[in-house]
Amino acid sequence: MQINAKLRLTFGSTYFKLGRLEQAERDLRRAVELRRQVLGPANTNTLEAQEALAWLLVGGLKNFEEGEKWSRETWQTRQQV
């Protein structure tokens, strides 16, 4: 499961850099989902995936509301860890 999550994160980040935003969103959301299920929401690897998703949402998809939500949750959780 962790290998799958790492691959999804890598693919999603690569797709984002290539401008293939739909594929990036699909893979980054899956990476977040898998890591939250397996590692929990406060794990640093989960937070890494959430941060990547937030960057895509804000910088690529211009979905500022959801991107801010993920960014804020990630930042607040990092402050507690």
N, C-alpha and C. Protein backbone atom coordinates (compact mmCIF):
# COMPACT_ATOMS: atom_id res chain seq x y z
N MET A 1 0.83 -1.20 0.00
CA MET A 1 0.00 0.00 0.00
C MET A 1 0.87 1.26 0.00
N GLN A 2 1.97 1.25 0.78
CA GLN A 2 2.81 2.44 0.83
C GLN A 2 3.54 2.67 -0.49
N ILE A 3 3.89 1.58 -1.17
CA ILE A 3 4.54 1.73 -2.47
C ILE A 3 3.57 2.36 -3.46
N ASN A 4 2.33 1.92 -3.43
CA ASN A 4 1.31 2.48 -4.30
C ASN A 4 1.13 3.97 -4.02
N ALA A 5 1.09 4.34 -2.75
CA ALA A 5 0.93 5.75 -2.38
C ALA A 5 2.12 6.58 -2.87
N LYS A 6 3.33 6.05 -2.73
CA LYS A 6 4.53 6.76 -3.18
C LYS A 6 4.50 6.94 -4.69
N LEU A 7 4.10 5.89 -5.41
CA LEU A 7 4.00 5.99 -6.87
C LEU A 7 2.96 7.03 -7.28
N ARG A 8 1.81 7.02 -6.61
CA ARG A 8 0.76 8.00 -6.93
C ARG A 8 1.28 9.42 -6.71
N LEU A 9 2.02 9.63 -5.61
CA LEU A 9 2.58 10.94 -5.32
C LEU A 9 3.58 11.34 -6.40
N THR A 10 4.45 10.43 -6.78
CA THR A 10 5.45 10.71 -7.81
C THR A 10 4.80 10.99 -9.16
N PHE A 11 3.85 10.14 -9.55
CA PHE A 11 3.15 10.36 -10.83
C PHE A 11 2.40 11.69 -10.81
N GLY A 12 1.68 11.94 -9.72
CA GLY A 12 0.91 13.17 -9.62
C GLY A 12 1.78 14.41 -9.72
N SER A 13 2.90 14.40 -9.04
CA SER A 13 3.82 15.54 -9.08
C SER A 13 4.40 15.72 -10.48
N THR A 14 4.72 14.61 -11.12
CA THR A 14 5.26 14.67 -12.49
C THR A 14 4.22 15.19 -13.46
N TYR A 15 3.00 14.67 -13.36
CA TYR A 15 1.92 15.16 -14.23
C TYR A 15 1.70 16.66 -14.03
N PHE A 16 1.76 17.13 -12.80
CA PHE A 16 1.59 18.55 -12.52
C PHE A 16 2.66 19.36 -13.26
N LYS A 17 3.90 18.92 -13.16
CA LYS A 17 5.00 19.63 -13.84
C LYS A 17 4.83 19.61 -15.35
N LEU A 18 4.21 18.57 -15.88
CA LEU A 18 3.99 18.47 -17.32
C LEU A 18 2.72 19.20 -17.77
N GLY A 19 1.96 19.73 -16.82
CA GLY A 19 0.74 20.44 -17.15
C GLY A 19 -0.46 19.54 -17.39
N ARG A 20 -0.35 18.28 -17.02
CA ARG A 20 -1.46 17.34 -17.18
C ARG A 20 -2.22 17.31 -15.85
N LEU A 21 -3.03 18.32 -15.66
CA LEU A 21 -3.61 18.60 -14.35
C LEU A 21 -4.66 17.57 -13.92
N GLU A 22 -5.46 17.06 -14.83
CA GLU A 22 -6.46 16.06 -14.45
C GLU A 22 -5.81 14.79 -13.93
N GLN A 23 -4.76 14.33 -14.63
CA GLN A 23 -4.05 13.14 -14.18
C GLN A 23 -3.34 13.41 -12.85
N ALA A 24 -2.79 14.61 -12.72
CA ALA A 24 -2.11 14.97 -11.48
C ALA A 24 -3.09 14.95 -10.31
N GLU A 25 -4.25 15.54 -10.50
CA GLU A 25 -5.25 15.58 -9.43
C GLU A 25 -5.67 14.17 -9.02
N ARG A 26 -5.93 13.33 -10.00
CA ARG A 26 -6.34 11.95 -9.71
C ARG A 26 -5.30 11.24 -8.85
N ASP A 27 -4.04 11.32 -9.26
CA ASP A 27 -2.99 10.59 -8.54
C ASP A 27 -2.68 11.20 -7.18
N LEU A 28 -2.68 12.52 -7.08
CA LEU A 28 -2.39 13.14 -5.79
C LEU A 28 -3.51 12.90 -4.79
N ARG A 29 -4.75 12.94 -5.24
CA ARG A 29 -5.86 12.63 -4.32
C ARG A 29 -5.76 11.19 -3.82
N ARG A 30 -5.39 10.28 -4.72
CA ARG A 30 -5.25 8.87 -4.33
C ARG A 30 -4.10 8.70 -3.34
N ALA A 31 -3.00 9.42 -3.56
CA ALA A 31 -1.86 9.34 -2.63
C ALA A 31 -2.27 9.81 -1.23
N VAL A 32 -3.00 10.92 -1.18
CA VAL A 32 -3.48 11.43 0.12
C VAL A 32 -4.40 10.41 0.78
N GLU A 33 -5.33 9.88 0.02
CA GLU A 33 -6.28 8.91 0.56
C GLU A 33 -5.57 7.68 1.13
N LEU A 34 -4.64 7.12 0.36
CA LEU A 34 -3.92 5.93 0.81
C LEU A 34 -3.09 6.20 2.05
N ARG A 35 -2.38 7.32 2.05
CA ARG A 35 -1.53 7.63 3.20
C ARG A 35 -2.35 7.94 4.45
N ARG A 36 -3.46 8.61 4.30
CA ARG A 36 -4.31 8.88 5.47
C ARG A 36 -4.85 7.57 6.04
N GLN A 37 -5.23 6.63 5.17
CA GLN A 37 -5.76 5.34 5.63
C GLN A 37 -4.70 4.52 6.34
N VAL A 38 -3.52 4.45 5.75
CA VAL A 38 -2.47 3.55 6.25
C VAL A 38 -1.63 4.19 7.36
N LEU A 39 -1.24 5.44 7.16
CA LEU A 39 -0.30 6.09 8.08
C LEU A 39 -0.96 7.03 9.08
N GLY A 40 -2.17 7.47 8.76
CA GLY A 40 -2.86 8.42 9.63
C GLY A 40 -2.64 9.85 9.16
N PRO A 41 -3.50 10.74 9.62
CA PRO A 41 -3.47 12.13 9.13
C PRO A 41 -2.29 12.96 9.65
N ALA A 42 -1.63 12.53 10.71
CA ALA A 42 -0.54 13.33 11.28
C ALA A 42 0.84 12.84 10.87
N ASN A 43 0.92 11.82 10.04
CA ASN A 43 2.21 11.29 9.61
C ASN A 43 2.87 12.26 8.62
N THR A 44 4.18 12.40 8.70
CA THR A 44 4.88 13.34 7.82
C THR A 44 4.73 12.98 6.34
N ASN A 45 4.64 11.71 6.03
CA ASN A 45 4.45 11.30 4.63
C ASN A 45 3.06 11.67 4.14
N THR A 46 2.08 11.57 5.01
CA THR A 46 0.73 11.99 4.66
C THR A 46 0.70 13.50 4.42
N LEU A 47 1.37 14.23 5.28
CA LEU A 47 1.41 15.69 5.15
C LEU A 47 2.13 16.11 3.87
N GLU A 48 3.13 15.36 3.47
CA GLU A 48 3.83 15.63 2.21
C GLU A 48 2.87 15.51 1.02
N ALA A 49 2.06 14.47 1.03
CA ALA A 49 1.09 14.27 -0.05
C ALA A 49 0.02 15.35 -0.04
N GLN A 50 -0.43 15.73 1.15
CA GLN A 50 -1.44 16.79 1.26
C GLN A 50 -0.89 18.12 0.74
N GLU A 51 0.36 18.40 1.04
CA GLU A 51 0.98 19.64 0.58
C GLU A 51 1.06 19.65 -0.95
N ALA A 52 1.43 18.52 -1.54
CA ALA A 52 1.50 18.44 -3.01
C ALA A 52 0.12 18.67 -3.62
N LEU A 53 -0.91 18.09 -3.01
CA LEU A 53 -2.27 18.29 -3.50
C LEU A 53 -2.67 19.77 -3.37
N ALA A 54 -2.33 20.39 -2.26
CA ALA A 54 -2.67 21.80 -2.06
C ALA A 54 -2.00 22.67 -3.14
N TRP A 55 -0.73 22.40 -3.44
CA TRP A 55 -0.03 23.16 -4.48
C TRP A 55 -0.73 23.01 -5.82
N LEU A 56 -1.12 21.79 -6.15
CA LEU A 56 -1.82 21.56 -7.42
C LEU A 56 -3.14 22.32 -7.46
N LEU A 57 -3.90 22.23 -6.38
CA LEU A 57 -5.21 22.87 -6.35
C LEU A 57 -5.10 24.38 -6.51
N VAL A 58 -4.14 24.99 -5.84
CA VAL A 58 -3.99 26.45 -5.89
C VAL A 58 -3.25 26.87 -7.17
N GLY A 59 -2.09 26.29 -7.40
CA GLY A 59 -1.24 26.73 -8.50
C GLY A 59 -1.66 26.24 -9.87
N GLY A 60 -2.26 25.07 -9.92
CA GLY A 60 -2.61 24.50 -11.22
C GLY A 60 -4.07 24.63 -11.57
N LEU A 61 -4.91 24.22 -10.65
CA LEU A 61 -6.35 24.18 -10.93
C LEU A 61 -7.09 25.44 -10.51
N LYS A 62 -6.40 26.32 -9.79
CA LYS A 62 -6.99 27.58 -9.32
C LYS A 62 -8.22 27.35 -8.45
N ASN A 63 -8.20 26.24 -7.73
CA ASN A 63 -9.27 25.92 -6.78
C ASN A 63 -8.77 26.41 -5.41
N PHE A 64 -8.88 27.71 -5.21
CA PHE A 64 -8.28 28.33 -4.04
C PHE A 64 -8.93 27.89 -2.73
N GLU A 65 -10.22 27.71 -2.74
CA GLU A 65 -10.94 27.34 -1.51
C GLU A 65 -10.47 25.98 -0.99
N GLU A 66 -10.49 24.97 -1.85
CA GLU A 66 -10.07 23.64 -1.40
C GLU A 66 -8.57 23.59 -1.15
N GLY A 67 -7.81 24.28 -1.99
CA GLY A 67 -6.35 24.31 -1.79
C GLY A 67 -5.98 24.93 -0.46
N GLU A 68 -6.66 26.01 -0.10
CA GLU A 68 -6.40 26.64 1.20
C GLU A 68 -6.77 25.70 2.34
N LYS A 69 -7.85 24.96 2.19
CA LYS A 69 -8.27 24.01 3.22
C LYS A 69 -7.16 22.98 3.47
N TRP A 70 -6.64 22.38 2.39
CA TRP A 70 -5.59 21.37 2.54
C TRP A 70 -4.30 22.00 3.08
N SER A 71 -3.99 23.18 2.60
CA SER A 71 -2.78 23.86 3.06
C SER A 71 -2.85 24.19 4.54
N ARG A 72 -3.99 24.73 4.96
CA ARG A 72 -4.17 25.10 6.37
C ARG A 72 -4.14 23.86 7.26
N GLU A 73 -4.83 22.80 6.85
CA GLU A 73 -4.84 21.56 7.65
C GLU A 73 -3.44 20.99 7.77
N THR A 74 -2.70 21.00 6.68
CA THR A 74 -1.33 20.48 6.70
C THR A 74 -0.45 21.30 7.62
N TRP A 75 -0.53 22.62 7.50
CA TRP A 75 0.28 23.50 8.34
C TRP A 75 -0.06 23.33 9.82
N GLN A 76 -1.34 23.30 10.14
CA GLN A 76 -1.75 23.15 11.54
C GLN A 76 -1.31 21.82 12.12
N THR A 77 -1.41 20.76 11.34
CA THR A 77 -0.98 19.44 11.82
C THR A 77 0.52 19.41 12.02
N ARG A 78 1.28 20.03 11.14
CA ARG A 78 2.74 20.08 11.31
C ARG A 78 3.13 20.82 12.57
N GLN A 79 2.36 21.82 12.95
CA GLN A 79 2.64 22.55 14.18
C GLN A 79 2.45 21.68 15.42
N GLN A 80 1.57 20.69 15.33
CA GLN A 80 1.27 19.82 16.46
C GLN A 80 2.22 18.62 16.54
N VAL A 81 2.82 18.26 15.43
CA VAL A 81 3.66 17.06 15.38
C VAL A 81 5.04 17.34 15.90
